[in-house]
Protein backbone atom coordinates (compact mmCIF):
# COMPACT_ATOMS: atom_id res chain seq x y z
CA UNK A 1 -24.86 24.59 -25.08
CA UNK A 2 -26.14 21.21 -25.00
CA UNK A 3 -29.24 20.33 -25.46
CA UNK A 4 -32.34 18.95 -23.46
CA UNK A 5 -32.11 15.81 -25.17
CA UNK A 6 -27.72 15.67 -24.51
CA UNK A 7 -28.18 16.67 -20.91
CA UNK A 8 -30.57 14.33 -19.94
CA UNK A 9 -28.49 11.49 -21.49
CA UNK A 10 -25.55 13.04 -19.46
CA UNK A 11 -27.48 13.11 -16.71
CA UNK A 12 -28.16 9.28 -16.78
CA UNK A 13 -24.82 8.26 -17.55
CA UNK A 14 -23.57 10.08 -14.40
CA UNK A 15 -26.19 8.13 -12.40
CA UNK A 16 -24.60 5.02 -13.19
CA UNK A 17 -21.17 5.83 -12.33
CA UNK A 18 -22.34 6.99 -9.11
CA UNK A 19 -24.07 3.76 -8.49
CA UNK A 20 -20.28 2.06 -9.87
CA UNK A 21 -18.59 3.97 -7.29
CA UNK A 22 -21.21 3.67 -4.07
CA UNK A 23 -20.80 -0.01 -5.08
CA UNK A 24 -16.84 0.05 -5.22
CA UNK A 25 -16.93 1.64 -2.24
CA UNK A 26 -18.94 -0.66 0.01
CA UNK A 27 -17.09 -3.82 -1.42
CA UNK A 28 -13.54 -1.97 -0.33
CA UNK A 29 -15.11 -1.01 3.54
CA UNK A 30 -15.93 -4.56 3.46
CA UNK A 31 -12.55 -5.92 2.42
CA UNK A 32 -11.27 -3.22 4.56
CA UNK A 33 -12.85 -4.94 7.83
CA UNK A 34 -11.11 -7.96 7.02
CA UNK A 35 -7.74 -6.68 6.04
CA UNK A 36 -8.11 -4.86 9.47
CA UNK A 37 -8.92 -7.92 11.54
CA UNK A 38 -5.99 -9.60 9.57
CA UNK A 39 -3.87 -6.79 11.02
CA UNK A 40 -4.89 -7.41 14.73
CA UNK A 41 -5.00 -11.19 14.90
CA UNK A 42 -1.69 -11.12 13.61
CA UNK A 43 -0.12 -8.51 16.27
CA UNK A 44 -0.01 -10.99 19.26
CA UNK A 45 2.27 -13.84 17.54
CA UNK A 46 4.61 -10.75 16.05
CA UNK A 47 5.01 -9.51 19.40
CA UNK A 48 5.26 -12.86 21.21
CA UNK A 49 7.81 -13.21 18.89
CA UNK A 50 9.69 -9.99 19.01
CA UNK A 51 9.58 -10.74 22.80
CA UNK A 52 10.99 -14.13 22.75
CA UNK A 53 14.14 -12.30 20.21
CA UNK A 54 14.60 -9.85 22.83
CA UNK A 55 14.77 -12.21 25.42
CA UNK A 56 17.37 -14.70 23.74
CA UNK A 57 19.92 -12.05 22.11
CA UNK A 58 21.24 -11.78 25.27
CA UNK A 59 21.49 -14.69 26.59
CA UNK A 60 24.09 -15.31 23.11
CA UNK A 61 27.47 -14.77 23.60
CA UNK A 62 30.24 -13.05 21.62
CA UNK A 63 31.30 -15.84 19.53
CA UNK A 64 28.07 -16.13 18.08
CA UNK A 65 27.82 -15.37 14.70
CA UNK A 66 24.97 -14.90 11.90
CA UNK A 67 25.37 -12.98 8.50
CA UNK A 68 21.59 -12.48 9.00
CA UNK A 69 22.46 -9.77 11.90
CA UNK A 70 25.72 -8.52 11.61
CA UNK A 71 27.23 -8.66 7.94
CA UNK A 72 25.37 -5.47 6.62
CA UNK A 73 26.64 -3.53 9.33
CA UNK A 74 30.19 -4.10 8.87
CA UNK A 75 30.55 -2.77 5.45
CA UNK A 76 30.80 1.18 4.57
CA UNK A 77 27.69 2.60 3.00
CA UNK A 78 29.24 3.56 -0.02
CA UNK A 79 29.86 -0.39 -0.69
CA UNK A 80 26.54 -1.75 -0.26
CA UNK A 81 24.42 -2.96 -2.50
CA UNK A 82 20.64 -2.21 -1.47
CA UNK A 83 17.69 -3.77 -3.40
CA UNK A 84 14.46 -1.49 -2.41
CA UNK A 85 11.43 -3.67 -3.21
CA UNK A 86 8.64 -0.79 -3.71
CA UNK A 87 4.84 -1.77 -2.37
CA UNK A 88 2.08 -0.48 -4.26
CA UNK A 89 -1.04 -2.28 -5.45
CA UNK A 90 -2.23 -4.60 -8.23
CA UNK A 91 -5.22 -2.24 -9.47
CA UNK A 92 -5.77 1.39 -9.37
CA UNK A 93 -8.63 3.96 -8.30
CA UNK A 94 -7.26 4.31 -5.02
CA UNK A 95 -6.45 7.90 -4.57
CA UNK A 96 -2.78 8.92 -4.15
CA UNK A 97 -1.82 5.11 -2.79
CA UNK A 98 0.75 4.07 -5.34
CA UNK A 99 1.41 7.58 -6.65
CA UNK A 100 3.21 8.41 -3.17
CA UNK A 101 5.09 5.77 -2.69
CA UNK A 102 6.80 5.84 -6.46
CA UNK A 103 7.76 9.37 -5.34
CA UNK A 104 8.95 8.69 -2.33
CA UNK A 105 11.19 6.01 -4.04
CA UNK A 106 11.90 8.40 -7.14
CA UNK A 107 12.98 11.39 -4.43
CA UNK A 108 14.82 8.72 -2.25
CA UNK A 109 16.82 7.64 -4.62
CA UNK A 110 18.17 10.89 -5.64
CA UNK A 111 18.95 12.18 -2.27
CA UNK A 112 20.16 9.10 0.13
CA UNK A 113 20.48 6.65 -2.09
CA UNK A 114 23.09 8.14 -3.96
CA UNK A 115 25.19 7.49 -0.73
CA UNK A 116 25.10 3.73 -1.00
CA UNK A 117 27.53 1.63 -3.62
CA UNK A 118 24.38 0.76 -5.34
CA UNK A 119 20.42 0.59 -5.49
CA UNK A 120 18.19 -1.64 -7.17
CA UNK A 121 14.51 -1.52 -7.21
CA UNK A 122 12.19 -4.73 -6.59
CA UNK A 123 8.46 -4.37 -7.09
CA UNK A 124 5.62 -6.30 -5.09
CA UNK A 125 2.65 -5.34 -7.28
CA UNK A 126 1.96 -4.66 -10.68
CA UNK A 127 1.61 -0.71 -10.45
CA UNK A 128 5.07 0.40 -9.54
CA UNK A 129 6.49 -2.48 -12.03
CA UNK A 130 4.38 -0.72 -14.70
CA UNK A 131 5.64 2.93 -13.81
CA UNK A 132 9.73 1.89 -12.97
CA UNK A 133 10.20 -1.32 -15.06
CA UNK A 134 12.26 0.66 -17.80
CA UNK A 135 14.87 2.06 -15.20
CA UNK A 136 18.57 1.62 -15.28
CA UNK A 137 18.21 -0.02 -11.66
CA UNK A 138 15.00 -1.42 -12.12
CA UNK A 139 15.24 -5.01 -10.77
CA UNK A 140 13.00 -7.92 -9.37
CA UNK A 141 9.48 -8.44 -9.93
CA UNK A 142 8.02 -10.52 -7.06
CA UNK A 143 4.81 -11.08 -9.14
CA UNK A 144 3.81 -14.40 -7.81
CA UNK A 145 3.65 -13.11 -3.99
CA UNK A 146 1.19 -10.43 -4.95
CA UNK A 147 -2.52 -10.44 -4.70
CA UNK A 148 -4.88 -11.80 -1.77
CA UNK A 149 -1.89 -11.88 0.98
CA UNK A 150 -1.29 -15.11 2.62
CA UNK A 151 1.29 -15.77 5.38
CA UNK A 152 2.80 -18.44 2.85
CA UNK A 153 3.25 -16.00 0.40
CA UNK A 154 5.24 -13.74 2.90
CA UNK A 155 7.40 -17.07 4.07
CA UNK A 156 7.81 -17.61 0.43
CA UNK A 157 9.10 -14.62 -0.67
CA UNK A 158 11.37 -13.94 2.89
CA UNK A 159 13.09 -17.24 2.38
CA UNK A 160 13.92 -15.95 -1.14
CA UNK A 161 14.76 -12.38 -0.17
CA UNK A 162 17.07 -14.11 3.03
CA UNK A 163 18.82 -16.44 0.20
CA UNK A 164 19.33 -13.78 -2.22
CA UNK A 165 21.19 -11.58 1.03
CA UNK A 166 23.06 -14.88 2.18
CA UNK A 167 24.59 -15.43 -1.47
CA UNK A 168 25.65 -11.66 -0.77
CA UNK A 169 23.75 -10.83 -4.11
CA UNK A 170 22.59 -8.17 -2.08
CA UNK A 171 24.08 -6.40 1.59
CA UNK A 172 20.99 -4.72 2.74
CA UNK A 173 17.03 -5.02 1.69
CA UNK A 174 14.22 -2.69 2.38
CA UNK A 175 11.00 -2.12 1.92
CA UNK A 176 8.89 0.96 0.68
CA UNK A 177 5.20 0.73 1.46
CA UNK A 178 2.19 2.27 3.00
CA UNK A 179 1.90 1.87 7.07
CA UNK A 180 -1.86 1.39 7.40
CA UNK A 181 -2.98 4.15 10.27
CA UNK A 182 -6.85 4.01 9.94
CA UNK A 183 -9.38 3.90 7.39
CA UNK A 184 -8.81 7.03 5.73
CA UNK A 185 -4.69 7.80 6.92
CA UNK A 186 -1.73 5.86 5.26
CA UNK A 187 1.85 6.47 5.68
CA UNK A 188 4.58 6.53 3.21
CA UNK A 189 7.20 3.99 5.11
CA UNK A 190 11.13 2.86 4.47
CA UNK A 191 11.94 -0.35 6.73
CA UNK A 192 15.08 -2.21 6.58
CA UNK A 193 14.30 -5.40 6.06
CA UNK A 194 17.48 -7.40 6.01
CA UNK A 195 19.92 -7.65 7.99
CA UNK A 196 18.25 -8.10 11.56
CA UNK A 197 18.78 -5.78 13.76
CA UNK A 198 18.64 -6.36 17.34
CA UNK A 199 18.02 -2.86 18.25
CA UNK A 200 15.20 -3.37 16.79
CA UNK A 201 13.61 -5.97 20.05
CA UNK A 202 13.36 -5.44 23.66
CA UNK A 203 15.90 -6.82 26.09
CA UNK A 204 14.46 -8.62 29.13
CA UNK A 205 15.44 -7.28 32.46
CA UNK A 206 18.87 -8.88 33.44
CA UNK A 207 17.45 -9.18 37.13
CA UNK A 208 14.66 -11.91 36.04
CA UNK A 209 15.50 -15.59 35.59
CA UNK A 210 15.44 -17.24 32.22
CA UNK A 211 16.03 -20.99 31.41
CA UNK A 212 16.53 -21.75 27.73
CA UNK A 213 16.50 -24.72 26.67
CA UNK A 214 17.82 -26.26 24.70
CA UNK A 215 20.30 -23.67 24.03
CA UNK A 216 20.01 -19.83 23.36
CA UNK A 217 22.32 -20.01 20.10
CA UNK A 218 19.78 -22.68 18.34
CA UNK A 219 16.78 -21.43 19.11
CA UNK A 220 18.05 -17.65 18.06
CA UNK A 221 18.79 -19.55 14.83
CA UNK A 222 15.83 -21.02 14.95
CA UNK A 223 13.72 -17.45 15.15
CA UNK A 224 15.85 -15.93 12.85
CA UNK A 225 14.16 -18.19 10.39
CA UNK A 226 10.66 -16.98 11.55
CA UNK A 227 11.02 -13.50 11.83
CA UNK A 228 11.57 -12.78 8.90
CA UNK A 229 8.37 -13.84 7.17
CA UNK A 230 6.42 -12.31 10.37
CA UNK A 231 8.06 -9.06 9.48
CA UNK A 232 7.02 -9.31 5.69
CA UNK A 233 3.29 -10.80 6.43
CA UNK A 234 3.32 -7.88 8.50
CA UNK A 235 4.29 -5.36 5.61
CA UNK A 236 1.69 -7.04 3.23
CA UNK A 237 -0.91 -6.55 5.51
CA UNK A 238 -0.09 -3.24 6.28
CA UNK A 239 -0.42 -2.37 2.34
CA UNK A 240 -3.11 -4.28 1.78
CA UNK A 241 -5.32 -2.63 4.60
CA UNK A 242 -4.21 0.60 3.18
CA UNK A 243 -4.88 0.07 -0.30
CA UNK A 244 -8.54 -0.74 0.50
CA UNK A 245 -8.98 2.45 2.58
CA UNK A 246 -8.06 4.41 -0.16
CA UNK A 247 -9.69 3.16 -2.55
CA UNK A 248 -13.28 3.50 -0.09
CA UNK A 249 -11.75 7.41 0.43
CA UNK A 250 -11.04 7.48 -3.34
CA UNK A 251 -14.90 6.02 -4.23
CA UNK A 252 -16.42 8.05 -1.87
CA UNK A 253 -15.18 11.24 -3.27
CA UNK A 254 -16.03 10.18 -6.71
CA UNK A 255 -19.53 9.43 -5.55
CA UNK A 256 -19.76 12.94 -4.01
CA UNK A 257 -19.09 14.90 -7.19
CA UNK A 258 -20.92 12.06 -9.41
CA UNK A 259 -23.70 13.94 -7.19
CA UNK A 260 -22.60 17.25 -7.26
CA UNK A 261 -22.09 17.25 -11.23
CA UNK A 262 -26.26 15.84 -10.95
CA UNK A 263 -27.69 18.21 -9.26
CA UNK A 264 -26.10 21.28 -11.44
CA UNK A 265 -26.75 19.13 -14.94
CA UNK A 266 -30.05 18.80 -13.53
CA UNK A 267 -30.22 22.57 -12.47
CA UNK A 268 -29.06 23.17 -16.04
CA UNK A 269 -31.74 20.59 -17.47
CA UNK A 270 -34.73 22.26 -16.11
CA UNK A 271 -33.55 25.82 -16.45
CA UNK A 272 -33.59 24.97 -20.37
CA UNK A 273 -37.04 23.22 -20.05
CA UNK A 274 -38.21 25.90 -18.71
CA UNK A 275 -37.27 28.42 -21.29
CA UNK A 276 -38.74 26.05 -23.86
CA UNK A 277 -41.55 25.77 -21.87
CA UNK A 278 -41.80 29.30 -22.09
CA UNK A 279 -41.19 30.35 -25.41
CA UNK A 280 -44.23 27.31 -26.46
CA UNK A 281 -46.31 29.86 -24.60
CA UNK A 282 -45.62 33.19 -26.05
CA UNK A 283 -45.92 31.54 -29.55
CA UNK A 284 -48.68 30.24 -28.49
CA UNK A 285 -50.17 33.29 -26.85
CA UNK A 286 -48.84 35.66 -30.19
CA UNK A 287 -51.05 33.10 -32.59
CA UNK A 288 -53.67 33.49 -30.63
CA UNK A 289 -53.38 37.35 -30.83
CA UNK A 290 -52.92 37.25 -34.69
CA UNK A 291 -56.17 35.40 -35.48
CA UNK A 292 -58.17 38.25 -32.98
CA UNK A 293 -56.72 40.74 -35.16
């Protein structure tokens, strides 16, 4: 049984831990609000870009060809080389945020991943790279695009991935990430990034009058140069917001657990202190009685 001194020391250290987790929760809550604002700010631009793609794509003649749209669909599944980029955080203390994505990747590799010719794991985020970098199929670690999310990073990384695809190093590129739902919920999502799927855009009503200048093909090519950066920016923002939400929830649970531990330790401390006082009183009474005799 721990001494009163040990219990007092443990209560003090647990209170310090509780203060730390409470502060971390508040910091994550503030970062989460900024991340949510960034997601909301990006939505109108992404939506309008998607609308433009849906408007222009049907107007392009059958002779239009682009590897960014068609090449991946022409290959048999067991001939395709896949790059699966696993998005995690650089830091821990965020509950199951990272482990859920990593476990999904491992399960997917043992199941659907076996249907492809080859699957290479790519990493955006330190935690996935640390855990999976020793696998035989471990591939590029996009370290310089980690940390704070910016559109510049998304644009540069998207350009790098497009180049890898056009160089035929990979036939399809997928992202595996935590899609942000709300402050306490993230959904592990597998999304194809390359090649672009025209099915992901809503086509314009053929009854509408549309005038496109200078040329629908040229505009579509320019839009294809932008759409991948916008898609990746959304994925990065979702993952960032999910990380802050998961860390906020984890720190809230840790704060509650610390409070419960403090309560139990304090109860034990008071019981032992009371027992010590009772023992001292009994010894005083016994001594007093012996002197009377």
